[in-house]
Amino acid sequence: MKLTYKTSGVDIEKGDRLVDIIRPLARATFSRNVVNEIGSFGAFYKIDKSAYRDPVLVSGTDGVGTKLRLAFLMNKHDTVGIDLVAMSVNDILTSGARPLFFLDYFATGKLSVKTAGDVIRGIAEGCRMAGCSLIGGETAEMPGFYDAGEYDLAGFAVGIVDKKKIINGSEIRNGDVLIGLSSSGLHSNGYSLARKLFFDMKRFAPRKKLKELGCSVGEELLKPTRIYAGSVLNVMKSFKLKGMAHITGGGITGNLPRIIPQNRNLKFIVERGSWESLPVFDLIRDLGNVSEDEMYRTFNMGLGLIAAVDDSDAQKIVKKFNRLGEKAFIIGRVEKGKQGVLYI
C-alpha cells in the first residue's frame, strides 16, 4: 500500500466538502464591510471610518471548555457554536464595543463533515445573533490527537468602539445601582463541577429527565449561552452604562470587581433573591451540598451580565432591557469600602 495523507488519517476531500458547507453559512453573516470570500489565506474587513472619530479595536478569544463533553454525550453539536461566539462577544461588549467579525478554530482527530457542519451552523447563528460577520476560520484534522468523535473549539472576536466611549469603570461612583440580565443557565462555566455532580456522584444518564428542571440533565446543560450584544448596544444609545461584567469563570464573586480600576475604594452590594432564580442552580447546590460561597464564585447564578448605572437611570434602563426581550433586575448597589462583593 502506498502511503498517502488519507491513509495517514487526514482526508483532504472531506475538508473541501466542509468548506462547501461553511461558505454559504458564513456568507449569510457578511456585512458590506467584508471584503473577501471564505477560502483566502487571510480575512479582510473594512472599517467604516465615517462612523467613528477615534476608533479602537477590541479583541477577545475563548473556547467552550468541558461543556463540549455534553455535546459528545448527547450527540448534539448545533448549539456549542453559539456558546463559542457568546463567550468572546460578551467579553468585548463589556467595554462598549460593537462586534465586527469572528473567526473560529475547529480541531478533531477524524473529521466528520456532518458534526463539523452542525458546529459551524451554530457559530454562524451566534454571529447572526451578535450582529457580526463570520469571516474566516481553521479546520484541523489531527489523527491520534483526539479520541474518536471528539473535537475542540476556539474563537476570536473583534469589535470597535470610539476611544472616548470606552467603558472602563472609571465613572462608577458610590450610590450607583447594579442591574443584572438573566442567563439561560450555566452558560459555559462551572461544567467540571456540574459534570462531577450529575454524572460521577449521582450517576445520572445525560438523557435522564428531572422534574426540577423540566427537561433532561443533558438538555439543561446544553442550553446555549445568551448573547447580549443587540440589547446592550441598543440601551447604550439612550443611557450610560458605567461598567459591565460578563459573568463567566469565577462567577459573580470573581467577575464583578473586574469592572472598576484596582485603585478605587468601592465595593458591590448584591441582594440575594432580587432576581429570578433558575432551578438548575438550586439543584446543584442541594444535590451536591455546595456552599453558597462556592456557588457564587463558580456559577453565574442566573445572571449572565451585570451593569453599573446611575441611580436616576436605573428603572428606565430596566424597562428598556425588558422591552428588548431581556429579563432585567435591580440587584444591588455600589458603596464605599474595600473592593469586593458583599451578599446580603
C-alpha atoms as a PDB file:
ATOM      1  CA  MET A   1       0.000   0.000   0.000  1.00  0.00           C
ATOM      2  CA  LYS A   2       1.278   3.412  -0.934  1.00  0.00           C
ATOM      3  CA  LEU A   3       1.420   5.911   1.893  1.00  0.00           C
ATOM      4  CA  THR A   4      -0.810   8.932   1.371  1.00  0.00           C
ATOM      5  CA  TYR A   5      -2.111  11.711   3.562  1.00  0.00           C
ATOM      6  CA  LYS A   6      -5.523   9.975   3.545  1.00  0.00           C
ATOM      7  CA  THR A   7      -4.129   6.621   4.711  1.00  0.00           C
ATOM      8  CA  SER A   8      -2.310   8.570   7.436  1.00  0.00           C
ATOM      9  CA  GLY A   9      -5.664   9.804   8.690  1.00  0.00           C
ATOM     10  CA  VAL A  10      -6.171  13.197   7.017  1.00  0.00           C
ATOM     11  CA  ASP A  11      -8.933  13.345   4.401  1.00  0.00           C
ATOM     12  CA  ILE A  12      -8.463  16.468   2.279  1.00  0.00           C
ATOM     13  CA  GLU A  13     -11.615  15.761   0.260  1.00  0.00           C
ATOM     14  CA  LYS A  14     -13.740  15.807   3.428  1.00  0.00           C
ATOM     15  CA  GLY A  15     -12.178  19.129   4.345  1.00  0.00           C
ATOM     16  CA  ASP A  16     -13.103  20.516   0.941  1.00  0.00           C
ATOM     17  CA  ARG A  17     -16.699  19.318   1.355  1.00  0.00           C
ATOM     18  CA  LEU A  18     -16.869  21.027   4.727  1.00  0.00           C
ATOM     19  CA  VAL A  19     -15.699  24.297   3.178  1.00  0.00           C
ATOM     20  CA  ASP A  20     -18.540  23.996   0.673  1.00  0.00           C
ATOM     21  CA  ILE A  21     -20.951  23.782   3.620  1.00  0.00           C
ATOM     22  CA  ILE A  22     -19.308  26.632   5.519  1.00  0.00           C
ATOM     23  CA  ARG A  23     -19.181  29.096   2.630  1.00  0.00           C
ATOM     24  CA  PRO A  24     -22.945  29.890   2.409  1.00  0.00           C
ATOM     25  CA  LEU A  25     -23.303  29.832   6.206  1.00  0.00           C
ATOM     26  CA  ALA A  26     -20.558  32.416   6.585  1.00  0.00           C
ATOM     27  CA  ARG A  27     -21.730  34.498   3.631  1.00  0.00           C
ATOM     28  CA  ALA A  28     -25.145  34.871   5.270  1.00  0.00           C
ATOM     29  CA  THR A  29     -23.447  36.718   8.151  1.00  0.00           C
ATOM     30  CA  PHE A  30     -21.432  39.113   5.958  1.00  0.00           C
ATOM     31  CA  SER A  31     -21.916  42.844   6.200  1.00  0.00           C
ATOM     32  CA  ARG A  32     -20.930  45.286   3.461  1.00  0.00           C
ATOM     33  CA  ASN A  33     -17.595  45.675   5.272  1.00  0.00           C
ATOM     34  CA  VAL A  34     -16.415  42.141   4.471  1.00  0.00           C
ATOM     35  CA  VAL A  35     -14.052  42.430   1.524  1.00  0.00           C
ATOM     36  CA  ASN A  36     -13.296  38.835   0.509  1.00  0.00           C
ATOM     37  CA  GLU A  37     -14.914  35.401   0.369  1.00  0.00           C
ATOM     38  CA  ILE A  38     -14.201  32.399   2.598  1.00  0.00           C
ATOM     39  CA  GLY A  39     -11.171  30.433   1.420  1.00  0.00           C
ATOM     40  CA  SER A  40      -8.449  33.075   1.234  1.00  0.00           C
ATOM     41  CA  PHE A  41      -5.304  32.864   3.360  1.00  0.00           C
ATOM     42  CA  GLY A  42      -6.472  35.922   5.284  1.00  0.00           C
ATOM     43  CA  ALA A  43      -9.803  37.538   6.091  1.00  0.00           C
ATOM     44  CA  PHE A  44     -10.406  41.190   5.194  1.00  0.00           C
ATOM     45  CA  TYR A  45     -12.745  43.609   6.931  1.00  0.00           C
ATOM     46  CA  LYS A  46     -13.096  47.292   6.021  1.00  0.00           C
ATOM     47  CA  ILE A  47     -13.709  49.761   8.878  1.00  0.00           C
ATOM     48  CA  ASP A  48     -16.264  52.482   8.225  1.00  0.00           C
ATOM     49  CA  LYS A  49     -14.228  55.485   9.408  1.00  0.00           C
ATOM     50  CA  SER A  50     -17.139  57.882   8.982  1.00  0.00           C
ATOM     51  CA  ALA A  51     -18.939  56.221  11.911  1.00  0.00           C
ATOM     52  CA  TYR A  52     -16.070  56.741  14.382  1.00  0.00           C
ATOM     53  CA  ARG A  53     -13.969  59.736  15.356  1.00  0.00           C
ATOM     54  CA  ASP A  54     -11.168  57.804  17.068  1.00  0.00           C
ATOM     55  CA  PRO A  55     -11.834  54.094  16.516  1.00  0.00           C
ATOM     56  CA  VAL A  56     -10.286  51.488  18.795  1.00  0.00           C
ATOM     57  CA  LEU A  57     -10.404  47.765  18.018  1.00  0.00           C
ATOM     58  CA  VAL A  58     -11.273  45.465  20.912  1.00  0.00           C
ATOM     59  CA  SER A  59     -10.485  41.748  20.682  1.00  0.00           C
ATOM     60  CA  GLY A  60     -11.317  38.669  22.696  1.00  0.00           C
ATOM     61  CA  THR A  61     -10.715  34.929  22.468  1.00  0.00           C
ATOM     62  CA  ASP A  62     -12.187  31.956  24.292  1.00  0.00           C
ATOM     63  CA  GLY A  63     -13.408  28.388  23.994  1.00  0.00           C
ATOM     64  CA  VAL A  64     -16.361  26.372  25.245  1.00  0.00           C
ATOM     65  CA  GLY A  65     -14.499  24.280  27.814  1.00  0.00           C
ATOM     66  CA  THR A  66     -15.777  20.966  29.123  1.00  0.00           C
ATOM     67  CA  LYS A  67     -19.314  21.817  28.010  1.00  0.00           C
ATOM     68  CA  LEU A  68     -18.178  20.056  24.849  1.00  0.00           C
ATOM     69  CA  ARG A  69     -18.380  16.793  26.816  1.00  0.00           C
ATOM     70  CA  LEU A  70     -22.152  17.275  26.940  1.00  0.00           C
ATOM     71  CA  ALA A  71     -22.274  17.718  23.182  1.00  0.00           C
ATOM     72  CA  PHE A  72     -20.377  14.438  22.775  1.00  0.00           C
ATOM     73  CA  LEU A  73     -22.618  12.590  25.247  1.00  0.00           C
ATOM     74  CA  MET A  74     -25.839  13.906  23.695  1.00  0.00           C
ATOM     75  CA  ASN A  75     -24.525  13.722  20.120  1.00  0.00           C
ATOM     76  CA  LYS A  76     -25.870  17.244  19.670  1.00  0.00           C
ATOM     77  CA  HIS A  77     -23.497  19.725  18.115  1.00  0.00           C
ATOM     78  CA  ASP A  78     -25.598  22.600  16.753  1.00  0.00           C
ATOM     79  CA  THR A  79     -25.560  24.820  19.862  1.00  0.00           C
ATOM     80  CA  VAL A  80     -21.959  24.813  21.138  1.00  0.00           C
ATOM     81  CA  GLY A  81     -21.077  27.145  18.275  1.00  0.00           C
ATOM     82  CA  ILE A  82     -23.432  29.720  19.788  1.00  0.00           C
ATOM     83  CA  ASP A  83     -21.570  29.302  23.081  1.00  0.00           C
ATOM     84  CA  LEU A  84     -18.265  29.849  21.302  1.00  0.00           C
ATOM     85  CA  VAL A  85     -19.372  33.166  19.817  1.00  0.00           C
ATOM     86  CA  ALA A  86     -21.077  34.288  23.019  1.00  0.00           C
ATOM     87  CA  MET A  87     -18.042  33.853  25.246  1.00  0.00           C
ATOM     88  CA  SER A  88     -15.868  36.203  23.199  1.00  0.00           C
ATOM     89  CA  VAL A  89     -18.560  38.621  22.030  1.00  0.00           C
ATOM     90  CA  ASN A  90     -19.975  39.189  25.528  1.00  0.00           C
ATOM     91  CA  ASP A  91     -16.443  39.836  26.790  1.00  0.00           C
ATOM     92  CA  ILE A  92     -15.658  42.596  24.304  1.00  0.00           C
ATOM     93  CA  LEU A  93     -19.155  44.022  24.732  1.00  0.00           C
ATOM     94  CA  THR A  94     -18.332  44.992  28.324  1.00  0.00           C
ATOM     95  CA  SER A  95     -16.016  47.708  27.008  1.00  0.00           C
ATOM     96  CA  GLY A  96     -18.815  49.164  24.890  1.00  0.00           C
ATOM     97  CA  ALA A  97     -17.508  47.603  21.688  1.00  0.00           C
ATOM     98  CA  ARG A  98     -19.798  46.650  18.822  1.00  0.00           C
ATOM     99  CA  PRO A  99     -18.803  43.205  17.462  1.00  0.00           C
ATOM    100  CA  LEU A 100     -17.480  43.349  13.908  1.00  0.00           C
ATOM    101  CA  PHE A 101     -16.251  39.900  12.975  1.00  0.00           C
ATOM    102  CA  PHE A 102     -15.457  36.441  14.300  1.00  0.00           C
ATOM    103  CA  LEU A 103     -13.084  33.607  13.394  1.00  0.00           C
ATOM    104  CA  ASP A 104     -13.184  30.021  14.649  1.00  0.00           C
ATOM    105  CA  TYR A 105     -10.795  27.098  15.104  1.00  0.00           C
ATOM    106  CA  PHE A 106     -12.174  23.544  14.918  1.00  0.00           C
ATOM    107  CA  ALA A 107      -9.813  20.646  15.649  1.00  0.00           C
ATOM    108  CA  THR A 108     -10.590  16.928  15.592  1.00  0.00           C
ATOM    109  CA  GLY A 109      -8.915  13.550  15.200  1.00  0.00           C
ATOM    110  CA  LYS A 110     -11.079  12.310  12.330  1.00  0.00           C
ATOM    111  CA  LEU A 111     -13.233  14.811  10.512  1.00  0.00           C
ATOM    112  CA  SER A 112     -16.982  14.210  10.396  1.00  0.00           C
ATOM    113  CA  VAL A 113     -18.460  16.597   7.861  1.00  0.00           C
ATOM    114  CA  LYS A 114     -21.892  16.340   9.488  1.00  0.00           C
ATOM    115  CA  THR A 115     -20.648  17.057  13.021  1.00  0.00           C
ATOM    116  CA  ALA A 116     -18.379  19.885  11.916  1.00  0.00           C
ATOM    117  CA  GLY A 117     -21.167  21.288   9.753  1.00  0.00           C
ATOM    118  CA  ASP A 118     -23.530  21.337  12.751  1.00  0.00           C
ATOM    119  CA  VAL A 119     -20.912  23.129  14.852  1.00  0.00           C
ATOM    120  CA  ILE A 120     -20.317  25.761  12.156  1.00  0.00           C
ATOM    121  CA  ARG A 121     -24.076  26.280  11.767  1.00  0.00           C
ATOM    122  CA  GLY A 122     -24.164  27.145  15.461  1.00  0.00           C
ATOM    123  CA  ILE A 123     -21.253  29.543  15.053  1.00  0.00           C
ATOM    124  CA  ALA A 124     -22.996  31.261  12.149  1.00  0.00           C
ATOM    125  CA  GLU A 125     -26.189  31.531  14.201  1.00  0.00           C
ATOM    126  CA  GLY A 126     -24.229  33.026  17.098  1.00  0.00           C
ATOM    127  CA  CYS A 127     -22.695  35.587  14.754  1.00  0.00           C
ATOM    128  CA  ARG A 128     -26.143  36.457  13.417  1.00  0.00           C
ATOM    129  CA  MET A 129     -27.401  36.952  16.982  1.00  0.00           C
ATOM    130  CA  ALA A 130     -24.379  39.114  17.825  1.00  0.00           C
ATOM    131  CA  GLY A 131     -24.622  41.168  14.629  1.00  0.00           C
ATOM    132  CA  CYS A 132     -21.118  40.277  13.474  1.00  0.00           C
ATOM    133  CA  SER A 133     -19.632  38.515  10.442  1.00  0.00           C
ATOM    134  CA  LEU A 134     -18.067  35.059  10.373  1.00  0.00           C
ATOM    135  CA  ILE A 135     -15.191  35.904   8.062  1.00  0.00           C
ATOM    136  CA  GLY A 136     -12.768  33.022   8.490  1.00  0.00           C
ATOM    137  CA  GLY A 137     -11.580  30.045  10.466  1.00  0.00           C
ATOM    138  CA  GLU A 138      -9.476  26.909  10.508  1.00  0.00           C
ATOM    139  CA  THR A 139     -10.349  23.228  10.459  1.00  0.00           C
ATOM    140  CA  ALA A 140      -7.581  20.920  11.686  1.00  0.00           C
ATOM    141  CA  GLU A 141      -7.735  17.136  11.291  1.00  0.00           C
ATOM    142  CA  MET A 142      -5.122  15.613  13.618  1.00  0.00           C
ATOM    143  CA  PRO A 143      -5.170  11.796  13.717  1.00  0.00           C
ATOM    144  CA  GLY A 144      -4.262  10.297  17.093  1.00  0.00           C
ATOM    145  CA  PHE A 145      -4.546  13.607  18.918  1.00  0.00           C
ATOM    146  CA  TYR A 146      -8.233  13.405  19.919  1.00  0.00           C
ATOM    147  CA  ASP A 147     -10.398  10.443  20.898  1.00  0.00           C
ATOM    148  CA  ALA A 148     -12.924   9.187  18.341  1.00  0.00           C
ATOM    149  CA  GLY A 149     -15.879  11.530  17.932  1.00  0.00           C
ATOM    150  CA  GLU A 150     -14.260  14.357  19.893  1.00  0.00           C
ATOM    151  CA  TYR A 151     -13.190  17.845  18.858  1.00  0.00           C
ATOM    152  CA  ASP A 152     -12.120  21.140  20.383  1.00  0.00           C
ATOM    153  CA  LEU A 153     -13.164  24.704  19.626  1.00  0.00           C
ATOM    154  CA  ALA A 154     -11.653  28.152  19.986  1.00  0.00           C
ATOM    155  CA  GLY A 155     -12.925  31.502  18.772  1.00  0.00           C
ATOM    156  CA  PHE A 156     -11.670  35.024  18.209  1.00  0.00           C
ATOM    157  CA  ALA A 157     -13.833  38.147  18.079  1.00  0.00           C
ATOM    158  CA  VAL A 158     -13.027  41.739  17.137  1.00  0.00           C
ATOM    159  CA  GLY A 159     -15.187  44.760  17.910  1.00  0.00           C
ATOM    160  CA  ILE A 160     -14.911  48.519  17.672  1.00  0.00           C
ATOM    161  CA  VAL A 161     -15.580  51.491  19.938  1.00  0.00           C
ATOM    162  CA  ASP A 162     -14.710  55.189  19.898  1.00  0.00           C
ATOM    163  CA  LYS A 163     -11.838  55.849  22.296  1.00  0.00           C
ATOM    164  CA  LYS A 164     -13.835  58.426  24.278  1.00  0.00           C
ATOM    165  CA  LYS A 165     -16.713  55.963  24.647  1.00  0.00           C
ATOM    166  CA  ILE A 166     -14.708  53.042  26.050  1.00  0.00           C
ATOM    167  CA  ILE A 167     -16.391  51.695  29.184  1.00  0.00           C
ATOM    168  CA  ASN A 168     -13.714  51.028  31.787  1.00  0.00           C
ATOM    169  CA  GLY A 169     -15.480  51.585  35.106  1.00  0.00           C
ATOM    170  CA  SER A 170     -13.756  54.886  35.825  1.00  0.00           C
ATOM    171  CA  GLU A 171     -17.103  56.696  36.115  1.00  0.00           C
ATOM    172  CA  ILE A 172     -18.605  54.317  38.678  1.00  0.00           C
ATOM    173  CA  ARG A 173     -19.475  56.155  41.888  1.00  0.00           C
ATOM    174  CA  ASN A 174     -20.789  55.491  45.374  1.00  0.00           C
ATOM    175  CA  GLY A 175     -24.581  55.159  45.136  1.00  0.00           C
ATOM    176  CA  ASP A 176     -24.667  53.689  41.617  1.00  0.00           C
ATOM    177  CA  VAL A 177     -27.079  50.806  41.007  1.00  0.00           C
ATOM    178  CA  LEU A 178     -26.381  47.292  39.734  1.00  0.00           C
ATOM    179  CA  ILE A 179     -28.600  45.826  37.016  1.00  0.00           C
ATOM    180  CA  GLY A 180     -28.453  42.118  36.206  1.00  0.00           C
ATOM    181  CA  LEU A 181     -29.533  40.427  32.977  1.00  0.00           C
ATOM    182  CA  SER A 182     -30.782  36.862  33.202  1.00  0.00           C
ATOM    183  CA  SER A 183     -28.690  33.999  31.913  1.00  0.00           C
ATOM    184  CA  SER A 184     -30.103  30.964  30.138  1.00  0.00           C
ATOM    185  CA  GLY A 185     -28.443  28.600  32.607  1.00  0.00           C
ATOM    186  CA  LEU A 186     -24.835  27.676  33.316  1.00  0.00           C
ATOM    187  CA  HIS A 187     -23.738  29.292  30.031  1.00  0.00           C
ATOM    188  CA  SER A 188     -20.224  27.851  29.563  1.00  0.00           C
ATOM    189  CA  ASN A 189     -18.756  27.796  33.060  1.00  0.00           C
ATOM    190  CA  GLY A 190     -18.726  25.518  36.064  1.00  0.00           C
ATOM    191  CA  TYR A 191     -19.078  22.376  33.967  1.00  0.00           C
ATOM    192  CA  SER A 192     -16.337  20.419  35.706  1.00  0.00           C
ATOM    193  CA  LEU A 193     -18.290  20.701  38.956  1.00  0.00           C
ATOM    194  CA  ALA A 194     -21.665  20.080  37.297  1.00  0.00           C
ATOM    195  CA  ARG A 195     -20.437  17.007  35.405  1.00  0.00           C
ATOM    196  CA  LYS A 196     -18.830  15.554  38.516  1.00  0.00           C
ATOM    197  CA  LEU A 197     -22.070  16.008  40.443  1.00  0.00           C
ATOM    198  CA  PHE A 198     -24.580  14.768  37.876  1.00  0.00           C
ATOM    199  CA  PHE A 199     -22.594  12.045  36.128  1.00  0.00           C
ATOM    200  CA  ASP A 200     -19.959  10.854  38.619  1.00  0.00           C
ATOM    201  CA  MET A 201     -21.587  11.309  42.024  1.00  0.00           C
ATOM    202  CA  LYS A 202     -25.284  10.870  41.149  1.00  0.00           C
ATOM    203  CA  ARG A 203     -24.631   8.710  38.075  1.00  0.00           C
ATOM    204  CA  PHE A 204     -27.452  10.310  36.093  1.00  0.00           C
ATOM    205  CA  ALA A 205     -27.672   9.408  32.422  1.00  0.00           C
ATOM    206  CA  PRO A 206     -27.441  12.526  30.205  1.00  0.00           C
ATOM    207  CA  ARG A 207     -30.980  11.904  28.956  1.00  0.00           C
ATOM    208  CA  LYS A 208     -32.467  11.412  32.416  1.00  0.00           C
ATOM    209  CA  LYS A 209     -35.345  13.829  32.895  1.00  0.00           C
ATOM    210  CA  LEU A 210     -35.572  15.637  36.227  1.00  0.00           C
ATOM    211  CA  LYS A 211     -38.842  17.242  37.321  1.00  0.00           C
ATOM    212  CA  GLU A 212     -36.919  20.098  38.932  1.00  0.00           C
ATOM    213  CA  LEU A 213     -35.520  21.050  35.513  1.00  0.00           C
ATOM    214  CA  GLY A 214     -38.482  20.186  33.315  1.00  0.00           C
ATOM    215  CA  CYS A 215     -36.089  18.509  30.894  1.00  0.00           C
ATOM    216  CA  SER A 216     -33.179  16.087  30.840  1.00  0.00           C
ATOM    217  CA  VAL A 217     -29.870  16.831  32.516  1.00  0.00           C
ATOM    218  CA  GLY A 218     -28.143  16.961  29.132  1.00  0.00           C
ATOM    219  CA  GLU A 219     -30.728  19.321  27.639  1.00  0.00           C
ATOM    220  CA  GLU A 220     -30.368  21.693  30.582  1.00  0.00           C
ATOM    221  CA  LEU A 221     -26.586  21.721  30.462  1.00  0.00           C
ATOM    222  CA  LEU A 222     -26.528  22.235  26.693  1.00  0.00           C
ATOM    223  CA  LYS A 223     -28.686  25.380  26.755  1.00  0.00           C
ATOM    224  CA  PRO A 224     -26.615  27.897  24.762  1.00  0.00           C
ATOM    225  CA  THR A 225     -25.034  30.959  26.322  1.00  0.00           C
ATOM    226  CA  ARG A 226     -27.118  34.093  25.942  1.00  0.00           C
ATOM    227  CA  ILE A 227     -25.679  36.783  23.659  1.00  0.00           C
ATOM    228  CA  TYR A 228     -26.329  40.310  24.954  1.00  0.00           C
ATOM    229  CA  ALA A 229     -24.861  42.428  22.159  1.00  0.00           C
ATOM    230  CA  GLY A 230     -28.093  43.551  20.488  1.00  0.00           C
ATOM    231  CA  SER A 231     -29.888  44.662  23.637  1.00  0.00           C
ATOM    232  CA  VAL A 232     -26.867  46.257  25.324  1.00  0.00           C
ATOM    233  CA  LEU A 233     -25.878  48.286  22.265  1.00  0.00           C
ATOM    234  CA  ASN A 234     -29.494  49.404  21.890  1.00  0.00           C
ATOM    235  CA  VAL A 235     -29.682  50.570  25.509  1.00  0.00           C
ATOM    236  CA  MET A 236     -26.366  52.401  25.138  1.00  0.00           C
ATOM    237  CA  LYS A 237     -27.918  54.649  22.501  1.00  0.00           C
ATOM    238  CA  SER A 238     -30.046  56.301  25.205  1.00  0.00           C
ATOM    239  CA  PHE A 239     -28.346  55.570  28.533  1.00  0.00           C
ATOM    240  CA  LYS A 240     -24.885  55.452  30.062  1.00  0.00           C
ATOM    241  CA  LEU A 241     -23.670  52.083  31.289  1.00  0.00           C
ATOM    242  CA  LYS A 242     -20.715  52.905  33.542  1.00  0.00           C
ATOM    243  CA  GLY A 243     -19.335  49.393  33.824  1.00  0.00           C
ATOM    244  CA  MET A 244     -20.252  45.865  32.732  1.00  0.00           C
ATOM    245  CA  ALA A 245     -19.203  42.417  33.889  1.00  0.00           C
ATOM    246  CA  HIS A 246     -19.655  39.274  31.827  1.00  0.00           C
ATOM    247  CA  ILE A 247     -20.256  36.586  34.459  1.00  0.00           C
ATOM    248  CA  THR A 248     -18.064  33.682  33.363  1.00  0.00           C
ATOM    249  CA  GLY A 249     -15.466  31.556  35.179  1.00  0.00           C
ATOM    250  CA  GLY A 250     -15.186  32.830  38.743  1.00  0.00           C
ATOM    251  CA  GLY A 251     -18.894  33.564  38.962  1.00  0.00           C
ATOM    252  CA  ILE A 252     -20.318  36.822  40.273  1.00  0.00           C
ATOM    253  CA  THR A 253     -17.721  36.961  43.054  1.00  0.00           C
ATOM    254  CA  GLY A 254     -14.762  36.841  40.697  1.00  0.00           C
ATOM    255  CA  ASN A 255     -16.044  38.891  37.772  1.00  0.00           C
ATOM    256  CA  LEU A 256     -17.999  41.820  39.207  1.00  0.00           C
ATOM    257  CA  PRO A 257     -14.960  43.513  40.859  1.00  0.00           C
ATOM    258  CA  ARG A 258     -13.175  43.500  37.479  1.00  0.00           C
ATOM    259  CA  ILE A 259     -15.320  46.377  36.193  1.00  0.00           C
ATOM    260  CA  ILE A 260     -13.580  49.055  38.272  1.00  0.00           C
ATOM    261  CA  PRO A 261      -9.905  50.102  38.425  1.00  0.00           C
ATOM    262  CA  GLN A 262      -7.977  48.447  41.260  1.00  0.00           C
ATOM    263  CA  ASN A 263      -7.222  51.748  42.995  1.00  0.00           C
ATOM    264  CA  ARG A 264     -10.894  52.575  43.553  1.00  0.00           C
ATOM    265  CA  ASN A 265     -12.237  52.235  47.109  1.00  0.00           C
ATOM    266  CA  LEU A 266     -15.630  50.842  46.126  1.00  0.00           C
ATOM    267  CA  LYS A 267     -17.470  47.599  46.840  1.00  0.00           C
ATOM    268  CA  PHE A 268     -20.545  45.922  45.381  1.00  0.00           C
ATOM    269  CA  ILE A 269     -23.588  45.031  47.457  1.00  0.00           C
ATOM    270  CA  VAL A 270     -25.573  42.224  45.833  1.00  0.00           C
ATOM    271  CA  GLU A 271     -29.033  41.433  47.198  1.00  0.00           C
ATOM    272  CA  ARG A 272     -29.779  37.713  47.081  1.00  0.00           C
ATOM    273  CA  GLY A 273     -33.302  36.982  45.878  1.00  0.00           C
ATOM    274  CA  SER A 274     -33.587  40.201  43.868  1.00  0.00           C
ATOM    275  CA  TRP A 275     -33.637  38.308  40.558  1.00  0.00           C
ATOM    276  CA  GLU A 276     -35.396  35.221  39.231  1.00  0.00           C
ATOM    277  CA  SER A 277     -33.664  32.051  40.350  1.00  0.00           C
ATOM    278  CA  LEU A 278     -33.038  29.244  37.848  1.00  0.00           C
ATOM    279  CA  PRO A 279     -33.812  25.712  39.085  1.00  0.00           C
ATOM    280  CA  VAL A 280     -30.508  24.262  37.896  1.00  0.00           C
ATOM    281  CA  PHE A 281     -28.535  26.265  40.456  1.00  0.00           C
ATOM    282  CA  ASP A 282     -30.799  25.248  43.339  1.00  0.00           C
ATOM    283  CA  LEU A 283     -30.479  21.625  42.215  1.00  0.00           C
ATOM    284  CA  ILE A 284     -26.672  21.745  42.067  1.00  0.00           C
ATOM    285  CA  ARG A 285     -26.467  23.384  45.492  1.00  0.00           C
ATOM    286  CA  ASP A 286     -28.845  20.889  47.124  1.00  0.00           C
ATOM    287  CA  LEU A 287     -27.693  17.660  45.449  1.00  0.00           C
ATOM    288  CA  GLY A 288     -24.016  18.459  45.886  1.00  0.00           C
ATOM    289  CA  ASN A 289     -24.223  20.156  49.273  1.00  0.00           C
ATOM    290  CA  VAL A 290     -22.343  23.060  47.690  1.00  0.00           C
ATOM    291  CA  SER A 291     -21.861  26.122  49.894  1.00  0.00           C
ATOM    292  CA  GLU A 292     -23.317  29.493  48.917  1.00  0.00           C
ATOM    293  CA  ASP A 293     -19.817  30.976  48.664  1.00  0.00           C
ATOM    294  CA  GLU A 294     -18.730  28.202  46.315  1.00  0.00           C
ATOM    295  CA  MET A 295     -21.851  28.610  44.183  1.00  0.00           C
ATOM    296  CA  TYR A 296     -21.338  32.358  43.759  1.00  0.00           C
ATOM    297  CA  ARG A 297     -17.665  32.026  42.833  1.00  0.00           C
ATOM    298  CA  THR A 298     -18.261  29.166  40.379  1.00  0.00           C
ATOM    299  CA  PHE A 299     -21.552  29.896  38.577  1.00  0.00           C
ATOM    300  CA  ASN A 300     -23.364  32.921  37.185  1.00  0.00           C
ATOM    301  CA  MET A 301     -26.328  32.090  39.479  1.00  0.00           C
ATOM    302  CA  GLY A 302     -28.820  33.195  36.835  1.00  0.00           C
ATOM    303  CA  LEU A 303     -27.165  36.465  35.793  1.00  0.00           C
ATOM    304  CA  GLY A 304     -25.088  36.484  32.618  1.00  0.00           C
ATOM    305  CA  LEU A 305     -24.241  40.190  32.582  1.00  0.00           C
ATOM    306  CA  ILE A 306     -24.220  42.861  35.308  1.00  0.00           C
ATOM    307  CA  ALA A 307     -24.054  46.620  34.644  1.00  0.00           C
ATOM    308  CA  ALA A 308     -23.409  49.561  36.948  1.00  0.00           C
ATOM    309  CA  VAL A 309     -25.586  52.602  36.179  1.00  0.00           C
ATOM    310  CA  ASP A 310     -26.572  55.928  37.682  1.00  0.00           C
ATOM    311  CA  ASP A 311     -29.344  55.614  40.231  1.00  0.00           C
ATOM    312  CA  SER A 312     -31.511  58.124  38.339  1.00  0.00           C
ATOM    313  CA  ASP A 313     -31.433  55.958  35.194  1.00  0.00           C
ATOM    314  CA  ALA A 314     -31.818  52.518  36.761  1.00  0.00           C
ATOM    315  CA  GLN A 315     -35.581  51.971  36.492  1.00  0.00           C
ATOM    316  CA  LYS A 316     -35.710  53.326  32.944  1.00  0.00           C
ATOM    317  CA  ILE A 317     -32.843  51.070  31.879  1.00  0.00           C
ATOM    318  CA  VAL A 318     -34.524  48.009  33.381  1.00  0.00           C
ATOM    319  CA  LYS A 319     -37.718  48.802  31.469  1.00  0.00           C
ATOM    320  CA  LYS A 320     -35.738  49.298  28.261  1.00  0.00           C
ATOM    321  CA  PHE A 321     -33.969  45.950  28.624  1.00  0.00           C
ATOM    322  CA  ASN A 322     -37.259  44.206  29.338  1.00  0.00           C
ATOM    323  CA  ARG A 323     -38.821  45.715  26.203  1.00  0.00           C
ATOM    324  CA  LEU A 324     -35.874  44.359  24.233  1.00  0.00           C
ATOM    325  CA  GLY A 325     -36.539  40.822  25.413  1.00  0.00           C
ATOM    326  CA  GLU A 326     -34.134  40.589  28.317  1.00  0.00           C
ATOM    327  CA  LYS A 327     -35.107  39.820  31.907  1.00  0.00           C
ATOM    328  CA  ALA A 328     -33.506  42.678  33.815  1.00  0.00           C
ATOM    329  CA  PHE A 329     -33.431  43.264  37.566  1.00  0.00           C
ATOM    330  CA  ILE A 330     -32.038  45.798  40.011  1.00  0.00           C
ATOM    331  CA  ILE A 331     -29.816  43.516  42.079  1.00  0.00           C
ATOM    332  CA  GLY A 332     -27.771  45.828  44.285  1.00  0.00           C
ATOM    333  CA  ARG A 333     -25.669  48.947  44.567  1.00  0.00           C
ATOM    334  CA  VAL A 334     -22.177  50.392  44.799  1.00  0.00           C
ATOM    335  CA  GLU A 335     -20.845  51.622  48.149  1.00  0.00           C
ATOM    336  CA  LYS A 336     -17.583  52.938  49.556  1.00  0.00           C
ATOM    337  CA  GLY A 337     -15.337  50.273  51.027  1.00  0.00           C
ATOM    338  CA  LYS A 338     -12.737  47.629  50.313  1.00  0.00           C
ATOM    339  CA  GLN A 339     -13.144  46.197  46.830  1.00  0.00           C
ATOM    340  CA  GLY A 340     -15.140  43.004  46.615  1.00  0.00           C
ATOM    341  CA  VAL A 341     -18.682  41.657  46.606  1.00  0.00           C
ATOM    342  CA  LEU A 342     -20.877  41.579  49.713  1.00  0.00           C
ATOM    343  CA  TYR A 343     -24.011  39.425  49.511  1.00  0.00           C
ATOM    344  CA  ILE A 344     -26.958  40.390  51.704  1.00  0.00           C
END
